[in-house]
Protein backbone atom coordinates (compact mmCIF):
# COMPACT_ATOMS: atom_id res chain seq x y z
CA UNK A 1 30.70 4.45 -36.61
CA UNK A 2 30.00 8.04 -37.64
CA UNK A 3 30.03 11.19 -35.52
CA UNK A 4 27.46 13.99 -35.67
CA UNK A 5 29.00 17.25 -34.48
CA UNK A 6 27.87 20.87 -34.44
CA UNK A 7 29.98 23.75 -35.75
CA UNK A 8 29.73 27.40 -34.79
CA UNK A 9 31.46 30.56 -36.09
CA UNK A 10 33.49 31.04 -32.90
CA UNK A 11 37.23 31.61 -32.75
CA UNK A 12 39.46 28.60 -33.23
CA UNK A 13 41.71 28.01 -30.27
CA UNK A 14 44.33 25.37 -29.79
CA UNK A 15 43.61 23.04 -26.89
CA UNK A 16 44.91 19.75 -25.60
CA UNK A 17 41.91 17.43 -25.85
CA UNK A 18 41.99 14.16 -23.92
CA UNK A 19 40.07 10.91 -23.91
CA UNK A 20 41.23 9.03 -20.88
CA UNK A 21 45.04 9.14 -20.96
CA UNK A 22 45.29 9.80 -24.70
CA UNK A 23 45.54 13.45 -25.75
CA UNK A 24 45.89 15.48 -28.93
CA UNK A 25 46.50 19.18 -29.49
CA UNK A 26 44.39 20.90 -32.15
CA UNK A 27 42.34 24.00 -32.79
CA UNK A 28 39.28 21.99 -33.90
CA UNK A 29 37.38 19.74 -31.51
CA UNK A 30 36.17 17.67 -34.47
CA UNK A 31 39.76 16.77 -35.37
CA UNK A 32 40.38 15.67 -31.79
CA UNK A 33 37.26 13.49 -31.91
CA UNK A 34 38.32 11.94 -35.21
CA UNK A 35 41.68 10.85 -33.80
CA UNK A 36 40.57 9.95 -30.27
CA UNK A 37 37.23 8.19 -31.06
CA UNK A 38 38.08 7.11 -34.63
CA UNK A 39 34.72 7.54 -36.40
CA UNK A 40 34.60 6.69 -40.10
CA UNK A 41 33.11 10.08 -40.95
CA UNK A 42 32.37 13.42 -39.31
CA UNK A 43 28.88 14.77 -40.00
CA UNK A 44 29.15 18.51 -39.40
CA UNK A 45 25.86 20.28 -38.66
CA UNK A 46 25.95 23.88 -39.87
CA UNK A 47 23.52 26.77 -39.51
CA UNK A 48 25.76 29.78 -40.10
CA UNK A 49 27.63 29.96 -43.45
CA UNK A 50 30.51 31.61 -41.57
CA UNK A 51 31.20 28.28 -39.92
CA UNK A 52 31.40 26.33 -43.18
CA UNK A 53 35.17 26.77 -43.26
CA UNK A 54 35.45 24.18 -40.49
CA UNK A 55 34.36 21.46 -42.90
CA UNK A 56 36.90 22.53 -45.53
CA UNK A 57 39.69 22.66 -42.96
CA UNK A 58 38.85 19.17 -41.73
CA UNK A 59 38.86 17.84 -45.28
CA UNK A 60 42.25 19.46 -45.86
CA UNK A 61 43.46 17.49 -42.84
CA UNK A 62 42.32 14.22 -44.47
CA UNK A 63 39.23 13.84 -42.29
CA UNK A 64 36.10 12.53 -44.11
CA UNK A 65 33.36 15.12 -43.73
CA UNK A 66 29.69 15.33 -44.62
CA UNK A 67 28.05 18.77 -44.27
CA UNK A 68 24.52 18.86 -42.89
CA UNK A 69 22.70 22.19 -43.02
CA UNK A 70 20.19 22.80 -40.25
CA UNK A 71 18.04 25.84 -39.34
CA UNK A 72 18.95 28.16 -36.49
CA UNK A 73 16.05 26.80 -34.40
CA UNK A 74 14.34 30.13 -33.77
CA UNK A 75 10.81 28.68 -33.62
CA UNK A 76 9.03 25.37 -33.08
CA UNK A 77 8.83 24.60 -36.79
CA UNK A 78 12.59 24.94 -37.15
CA UNK A 79 13.17 22.76 -34.10
CA UNK A 80 11.12 19.99 -35.72
CA UNK A 81 13.14 20.47 -38.90
CA UNK A 82 16.39 20.07 -36.93
CA UNK A 83 15.08 16.88 -35.33
CA UNK A 84 14.06 15.44 -38.71
CA UNK A 85 17.28 16.41 -40.48
CA UNK A 86 19.46 14.81 -37.80
CA UNK A 87 17.40 11.62 -37.66
CA UNK A 88 17.22 11.29 -41.45
CA UNK A 89 21.00 11.56 -41.67
CA UNK A 90 21.35 8.36 -39.65
CA UNK A 91 20.98 4.87 -41.08
CA UNK A 92 19.02 2.18 -39.25
CA UNK A 93 21.08 0.06 -36.85
CA UNK A 94 24.32 2.00 -37.34
CA UNK A 95 26.62 3.26 -34.60
CA UNK A 96 26.48 6.99 -33.97
CA UNK A 97 28.55 9.26 -31.74
CA UNK A 98 27.13 12.70 -30.90
CA UNK A 99 29.34 15.69 -30.06
CA UNK A 100 27.57 18.70 -28.54
CA UNK A 101 30.67 20.75 -27.68
CA UNK A 102 29.65 23.57 -30.05
CA UNK A 103 25.93 22.92 -29.77
CA UNK A 104 24.30 26.00 -28.31
CA UNK A 105 20.79 27.01 -27.30
CA UNK A 106 18.37 24.15 -28.08
CA UNK A 107 20.87 21.87 -29.86
CA UNK A 108 21.97 19.79 -26.83
CA UNK A 109 18.33 19.13 -25.99
CA UNK A 110 17.49 18.28 -29.62
CA UNK A 111 20.49 15.93 -29.65
CA UNK A 112 19.19 14.17 -26.55
CA UNK A 113 15.76 13.73 -28.16
CA UNK A 114 17.21 12.55 -31.46
CA UNK A 115 19.53 10.08 -29.76
CA UNK A 116 16.67 8.69 -27.69
CA UNK A 117 14.44 8.35 -30.73
CA UNK A 118 17.11 6.74 -32.88
CA UNK A 119 18.00 4.24 -30.18
CA UNK A 120 14.39 3.27 -29.41
CA UNK A 121 12.76 3.41 -32.84
CA UNK A 122 15.54 2.93 -35.39
CA UNK A 123 17.70 0.45 -33.43
CA UNK A 124 20.67 2.81 -33.66
CA UNK A 125 23.53 2.17 -31.26
CA UNK A 126 24.52 5.41 -29.53
CA UNK A 127 28.28 5.22 -28.96
CA UNK A 128 28.24 8.33 -26.80
CA UNK A 129 27.00 11.88 -26.33
CA UNK A 130 30.22 13.76 -25.68
CA UNK A 131 31.36 17.32 -25.13
CA UNK A 132 34.63 19.03 -24.32
CA UNK A 133 34.27 21.44 -21.38
CA UNK A 134 36.56 24.34 -20.62
CA UNK A 135 40.22 23.63 -20.09
CA UNK A 136 40.97 22.41 -16.59
CA UNK A 137 43.58 23.70 -14.18
CA UNK A 138 46.01 21.11 -15.54
CA UNK A 139 45.79 22.61 -19.02
CA UNK A 140 43.87 19.71 -20.53
CA UNK A 141 40.36 19.63 -21.98
CA UNK A 142 38.92 16.23 -21.14
CA UNK A 143 35.92 14.83 -22.99
CA UNK A 144 32.86 14.03 -20.90
CA UNK A 145 30.37 11.37 -22.04
CA UNK A 146 26.76 12.07 -21.11
CA UNK A 147 25.59 8.71 -22.44
CA UNK A 148 25.10 7.15 -18.96
CA UNK A 149 22.51 9.84 -18.21
CA UNK A 150 20.45 8.63 -21.16
CA UNK A 151 19.84 5.47 -19.16
CA UNK A 152 17.46 7.54 -17.04
CA UNK A 153 14.95 7.11 -19.85
CA UNK A 154 15.32 3.34 -19.61
CA UNK A 155 14.66 3.46 -15.88
CA UNK A 156 11.62 5.69 -16.40
CA UNK A 157 10.26 3.28 -19.01
CA UNK A 158 10.97 0.29 -16.80
CA UNK A 159 9.20 1.79 -13.81
CA UNK A 160 6.23 2.85 -15.94
CA UNK A 161 5.98 -0.61 -17.53
CA UNK A 162 5.62 -2.21 -14.10
CA UNK A 163 3.43 0.37 -12.40
CA UNK A 164 1.03 0.99 -15.28
CA UNK A 165 1.15 -2.21 -17.33
CA UNK A 166 2.24 -4.92 -14.85
CA UNK A 167 5.33 -5.75 -16.87
CA UNK A 168 8.41 -6.12 -14.69
CA UNK A 169 10.70 -7.62 -17.34
CA UNK A 170 12.33 -4.28 -18.34
CA UNK A 171 12.99 -3.41 -14.70
CA UNK A 172 14.41 -6.88 -14.06
CA UNK A 173 16.87 -6.53 -16.94
CA UNK A 174 17.98 -3.09 -15.74
CA UNK A 175 18.55 -4.27 -12.17
CA UNK A 176 20.21 -7.48 -13.34
CA UNK A 177 22.63 -5.47 -15.49
CA UNK A 178 23.21 -2.94 -12.72
CA UNK A 179 24.08 -5.58 -10.12
CA UNK A 180 26.22 -7.51 -12.60
CA UNK A 181 28.15 -4.42 -13.71
CA UNK A 182 28.88 -3.42 -10.11
CA UNK A 183 30.19 -6.90 -9.32
CA UNK A 184 32.29 -7.06 -12.48
CA UNK A 185 33.84 -3.64 -11.86
CA UNK A 186 35.04 -4.73 -8.42
CA UNK A 187 35.07 -1.09 -7.33
CA UNK A 188 32.50 -1.36 -4.53
CA UNK A 189 33.62 -3.34 -1.46
CA UNK A 190 29.99 -4.07 -0.59
CA UNK A 191 28.18 -4.70 -3.89
CA UNK A 192 24.42 -5.40 -4.07
CA UNK A 193 23.30 -9.01 -3.71
CA UNK A 194 19.51 -8.71 -3.46
CA UNK A 195 18.42 -6.50 -6.36
CA UNK A 196 18.38 -9.15 -9.09
CA UNK A 197 16.46 -11.71 -7.04
CA UNK A 198 13.97 -9.05 -5.92
CA UNK A 199 13.40 -7.92 -9.51
CA UNK A 200 13.05 -11.56 -10.56
CA UNK A 201 10.20 -12.00 -8.07
CA UNK A 202 8.49 -8.88 -9.42
CA UNK A 203 8.90 -10.30 -12.93
CA UNK A 204 7.38 -13.62 -11.81
CA UNK A 205 4.53 -11.70 -10.20
CA UNK A 206 3.81 -9.64 -13.32
CA UNK A 207 3.92 -12.69 -15.59
CA UNK A 208 1.64 -14.63 -13.24
CA UNK A 209 -0.86 -11.75 -13.07
CA UNK A 210 -0.99 -11.41 -16.85
CA UNK A 211 -1.29 -15.18 -17.29
CA UNK A 212 -4.04 -15.37 -14.63
CA UNK A 213 -2.05 -17.74 -12.39
CA UNK A 214 -3.24 -16.72 -8.90
CA UNK A 215 -1.20 -19.19 -6.85
CA UNK A 216 2.04 -18.10 -8.55
CA UNK A 217 1.13 -14.41 -8.38
CA UNK A 218 0.31 -14.44 -4.68
CA UNK A 219 3.41 -16.48 -3.86
CA UNK A 220 5.71 -14.15 -5.85
CA UNK A 221 4.14 -11.13 -4.15
CA UNK A 222 4.88 -12.75 -0.81
CA UNK A 223 8.49 -13.44 -1.77
CA UNK A 224 9.02 -9.84 -2.86
CA UNK A 225 8.55 -8.73 0.74
CA UNK A 226 11.08 -11.07 2.31
CA UNK A 227 14.08 -9.06 3.50
CA UNK A 228 12.42 -5.85 2.34
CA UNK A 229 14.68 -3.78 4.62
CA UNK A 230 17.79 -5.14 2.90
CA UNK A 231 16.30 -4.44 -0.52
CA UNK A 232 15.43 -0.90 0.52
CA UNK A 233 19.01 -0.32 1.68
CA UNK A 234 20.48 -1.53 -1.61
CA UNK A 235 18.04 0.54 -3.66
CA UNK A 236 19.01 3.63 -1.70
CA UNK A 237 22.69 3.01 -2.39
CA UNK A 238 22.63 1.82 -6.00
CA UNK A 239 19.29 2.74 -7.58
CA UNK A 240 17.66 5.57 -5.62
CA UNK A 241 15.49 6.40 -8.65
CA UNK A 242 13.63 3.13 -7.97
CA UNK A 243 12.55 4.07 -4.45
CA UNK A 244 9.10 5.11 -5.80
CA UNK A 245 8.74 1.58 -7.17
CA UNK A 246 9.34 0.17 -3.70
CA UNK A 247 6.58 2.44 -2.40
CA UNK A 248 4.19 1.18 -5.08
CA UNK A 249 5.08 -2.45 -4.50
CA UNK A 250 4.08 -1.88 -0.89
CA UNK A 251 0.54 -2.01 -2.20
CA UNK A 252 1.15 -5.60 -3.30
CA UNK A 253 1.39 -6.71 0.32
CA UNK A 254 -2.36 -7.28 0.40
CA UNK A 255 -1.88 -9.73 -2.48
CA UNK A 256 0.90 -11.66 -0.78
CA UNK A 257 0.07 -15.22 0.24
CA UNK A 258 2.06 -18.39 0.72
CA UNK A 259 0.54 -21.55 -0.84
CA UNK A 260 -0.07 -23.06 2.60
CA UNK A 261 -2.54 -20.25 3.25
CA UNK A 262 -4.95 -22.40 1.24
CA UNK A 263 -5.53 -24.30 4.46
CA UNK A 264 -7.81 -21.36 5.28
CA UNK A 265 -9.55 -21.48 1.93
CA UNK A 266 -11.92 -18.57 2.40
CA UNK A 267 -9.04 -16.20 3.23
CA UNK A 268 -6.99 -17.51 0.33
CA UNK A 269 -9.85 -16.93 -2.09
CA UNK A 270 -10.28 -13.46 -0.63
CA UNK A 271 -6.68 -12.78 -1.75
CA UNK A 272 -7.56 -14.05 -5.22
CA UNK A 273 -10.52 -11.66 -5.37
CA UNK A 274 -8.15 -8.81 -4.50
CA UNK A 275 -5.97 -10.01 -7.35
CA UNK A 276 -8.96 -9.75 -9.69
CA UNK A 277 -9.50 -6.17 -8.51
CA UNK A 278 -5.82 -5.48 -9.26
CA UNK A 279 -6.18 -6.94 -12.76
CA UNK A 280 -9.23 -4.79 -13.45
CA UNK A 281 -7.40 -1.71 -12.20
CA UNK A 282 -4.59 -2.40 -14.69
CA UNK A 283 -6.98 -3.04 -17.59
CA UNK A 284 -6.33 -6.80 -17.68
CA UNK A 285 -10.00 -7.57 -18.33
CA UNK A 286 -9.54 -10.91 -20.07
CA UNK A 287 -7.41 -12.21 -17.21
CA UNK A 288 -9.76 -10.83 -14.55
CA UNK A 289 -12.84 -12.43 -16.09
CA UNK A 290 -11.04 -15.73 -16.63
CA UNK A 291 -9.88 -15.82 -13.02
CA UNK A 292 -13.26 -14.58 -11.82
CA UNK A 293 -15.04 -17.59 -13.28
CA UNK A 294 -12.56 -19.94 -11.61
CA UNK A 295 -13.00 -18.17 -8.28
CA UNK A 296 -16.77 -18.78 -8.49
CA UNK A 297 -16.09 -22.50 -8.87
CA UNK A 298 -13.77 -22.45 -5.86
CA UNK A 299 -16.32 -20.55 -3.78
CA UNK A 300 -19.09 -22.98 -4.60
CA UNK A 301 -16.76 -25.84 -3.67
CA UNK A 302 -16.29 -24.16 -0.28
CA UNK A 303 -20.06 -24.01 0.10
CA UNK A 304 -20.28 -27.74 -0.63
CA UNK A 305 -17.31 -28.57 1.64
CA UNK A 306 -15.23 -29.66 -1.34
CA UNK A 307 -12.50 -27.07 -0.81
CA UNK A 308 -9.88 -29.70 -0.02
CA UNK A 309 -10.14 -30.65 -3.73
CA UNK A 310 -10.09 -27.08 -5.01
CA UNK A 311 -7.25 -27.78 -7.47
CA UNK A 312 -8.65 -31.08 -8.74
CA UNK A 313 -9.46 -30.40 -12.39
CA UNK A 314 -12.04 -33.19 -12.64
CA UNK A 315 -13.96 -32.04 -9.57
CA UNK A 316 -13.84 -28.44 -10.75
CA UNK A 317 -15.20 -29.43 -14.14
CA UNK A 318 -18.09 -31.27 -12.54
CA UNK A 319 -18.87 -28.30 -10.28
CA UNK A 320 -18.90 -25.97 -13.30
CA UNK A 321 -21.28 -28.37 -15.10
CA UNK A 322 -23.47 -28.31 -12.00
CA UNK A 323 -23.75 -24.52 -12.07
CA UNK A 324 -24.32 -24.50 -15.83
CA UNK A 325 -26.99 -27.15 -15.37
CA UNK A 326 -28.68 -24.88 -12.83
CA UNK A 327 -28.70 -22.12 -15.43
CA UNK A 328 -30.34 -24.44 -17.98
CA UNK A 329 -32.88 -25.56 -15.37
CA UNK A 330 -33.93 -21.93 -14.79
CA UNK A 331 -34.54 -21.67 -18.54
CA UNK A 332 -36.52 -24.93 -18.54
CA UNK A 333 -33.98 -26.45 -20.88
CA UNK A 334 -32.72 -30.03 -20.67
CA UNK A 335 -29.34 -30.68 -19.04
CA UNK A 336 -27.27 -33.61 -17.82
CA UNK A 337 -27.33 -33.83 -14.04
CA UNK A 338 -24.18 -34.26 -12.00
CA UNK A 339 -23.77 -35.80 -8.58
CA UNK A 340 -24.04 -32.28 -7.14
CA UNK A 341 -27.12 -31.08 -9.05
CA UNK A 342 -29.67 -32.09 -6.42
CA UNK A 343 -27.61 -30.38 -3.69
CA UNK A 344 -27.58 -27.14 -5.67
CA UNK A 345 -31.34 -26.67 -5.84
CA UNK A 346 -31.71 -27.32 -2.11
CA UNK A 347 -30.03 -23.98 -1.32
CA UNK A 348 -32.61 -21.22 -0.90
CA UNK A 349 -30.37 -18.78 -2.81
CA UNK A 350 -29.42 -21.19 -5.61
CA UNK A 351 -31.01 -19.07 -8.32
CA UNK A 352 -28.99 -16.02 -7.33
CA UNK A 353 -25.83 -18.11 -7.38
CA UNK A 354 -26.70 -19.44 -10.82
CA UNK A 355 -27.53 -16.00 -12.23
CA UNK A 356 -24.11 -14.67 -11.15
CA UNK A 357 -22.45 -17.75 -12.60
CA UNK A 358 -24.31 -17.30 -15.88
CA UNK A 359 -23.32 -13.65 -16.26
CA UNK A 360 -19.64 -14.17 -15.61
CA UNK A 361 -19.41 -17.52 -17.41
CA UNK A 362 -21.13 -16.05 -20.47
CA UNK A 363 -18.73 -13.11 -20.50
CA UNK A 364 -15.75 -15.41 -20.09
CA UNK A 365 -16.91 -17.58 -23.00
CA UNK A 366 -17.42 -14.51 -25.16
CA UNK A 367 -13.86 -13.40 -24.43
CA UNK A 368 -12.36 -16.87 -24.74
CA UNK A 369 -13.91 -17.33 -28.21
CA UNK A 370 -12.74 -13.86 -29.31
CA UNK A 371 -16.23 -12.71 -30.24
CA UNK A 372 -16.62 -15.45 -32.88
CA UNK A 373 -20.41 -15.46 -32.68
CA UNK A 374 -23.43 -13.72 -34.18
CA UNK A 375 -24.02 -11.49 -31.17
CA UNK A 376 -23.68 -7.77 -31.63
CA UNK A 377 -21.51 -7.03 -28.57
CA UNK A 378 -19.43 -3.88 -28.89
CA UNK A 379 -15.94 -3.69 -27.45
CA UNK A 380 -17.12 -0.92 -25.14
CA UNK A 381 -19.97 -3.05 -23.78
CA UNK A 382 -17.61 -5.98 -23.18
CA UNK A 383 -15.24 -3.68 -21.32
CA UNK A 384 -18.11 -2.31 -19.22
CA UNK A 385 -19.35 -5.80 -18.31
CA UNK A 386 -15.82 -6.88 -17.41
CA UNK A 387 -15.31 -3.79 -15.25
CA UNK A 388 -18.44 -4.63 -13.26
CA UNK A 389 -17.73 -8.25 -12.34
CA UNK A 390 -16.22 -7.51 -8.94
CA UNK A 391 -19.55 -6.80 -7.22
CA UNK A 392 -20.96 -10.09 -8.52
CA UNK A 393 -17.92 -12.00 -7.26
CA UNK A 394 -18.14 -10.30 -3.86
CA UNK A 395 -21.82 -11.26 -3.62
CA UNK A 396 -21.02 -14.84 -4.61
CA UNK A 397 -18.33 -14.88 -1.89
CA UNK A 398 -20.90 -13.73 0.68
CA UNK A 399 -23.44 -16.35 -0.36
CA UNK A 400 -20.95 -19.20 -0.32
CA UNK A 401 -18.77 -18.30 2.66
CA UNK A 402 -20.93 -16.29 5.05
CA UNK A 403 -24.14 -18.23 4.43
CA UNK A 404 -22.25 -21.47 4.98
CA UNK A 405 -21.00 -20.23 8.35
CA UNK A 406 -24.51 -19.35 9.43
């Protein structure tokens, strides 16, 4: 481990520096850090030549030192230079301790940015971001580690990943670690017991949405709302920064459905259509179109009173061949009839059903085959077609469910 520390031209003053119960008296904070944190080398960032004597003094005290000259940071260009110089002084995947005791003006903020960048992009392990405040009433100057506050960035990223990109894995890992650490510390007499399981359900939901697994997605959404009052209480006590996530997940209630809801198939499919709308909202076009095609099959099965077999792969395949056959019949092209083909053309609106099926099925095939064809479809046009499928699905729902009732 190495330590990056800032040096200023201020007066040297002897203090008793402490890390926990271990203390050392010295006139240089860098010497205290060397003995209390035991880095292999002190990297001293210098802007003012008057402060260069600190490095020489440390070397005279048998402390390995590397001098790093940085600008004063008087304009934006110099701030970028400081950021680059600090980051370039660090090796990939090494352990780094930052000391901002003598860092003035913009340097603490630049340290925070550099530490965040190095951790995220260069796989650097940040051992701490420490500083020594003024001497306390007891005569000791105790180091404070700001590293825990850097975890705020992890929470921000985790929340954004779920809200914007339907990826709850980062948030699950944060809550899992939080609950585990509280239990292991044994300091709280009433530790959280619901956070990990709640985050696990959100993770299952996000995976199911991105894998276009409607039954699993709706079930996980339903589970996330069991004991929601208890979850809210634990979030308020242990992770108040996640309260906005709870507010957003409230919107998932309209997607919540237990598997036995399939006994009312039309309502269950309505939930799946809402899931498609959710996927489109999050930019999951491939998943939305894939699920949209399957929902059309389910809806037509409802129309034909086959909904009790809605998860039978063989029946579903035959129904899809029936609709595709209808499309070929409208084009006066030969097709192989199924046992449902004659029933299809008896419906007065069969051509409208088939046209919707053709549009969405064609788009799904285009996506499934990754554009490996001679058609000149632009990415933008594919996105536009995918964005517009909801109205077709809603119309198909009306034709299959409402017309059947009448």
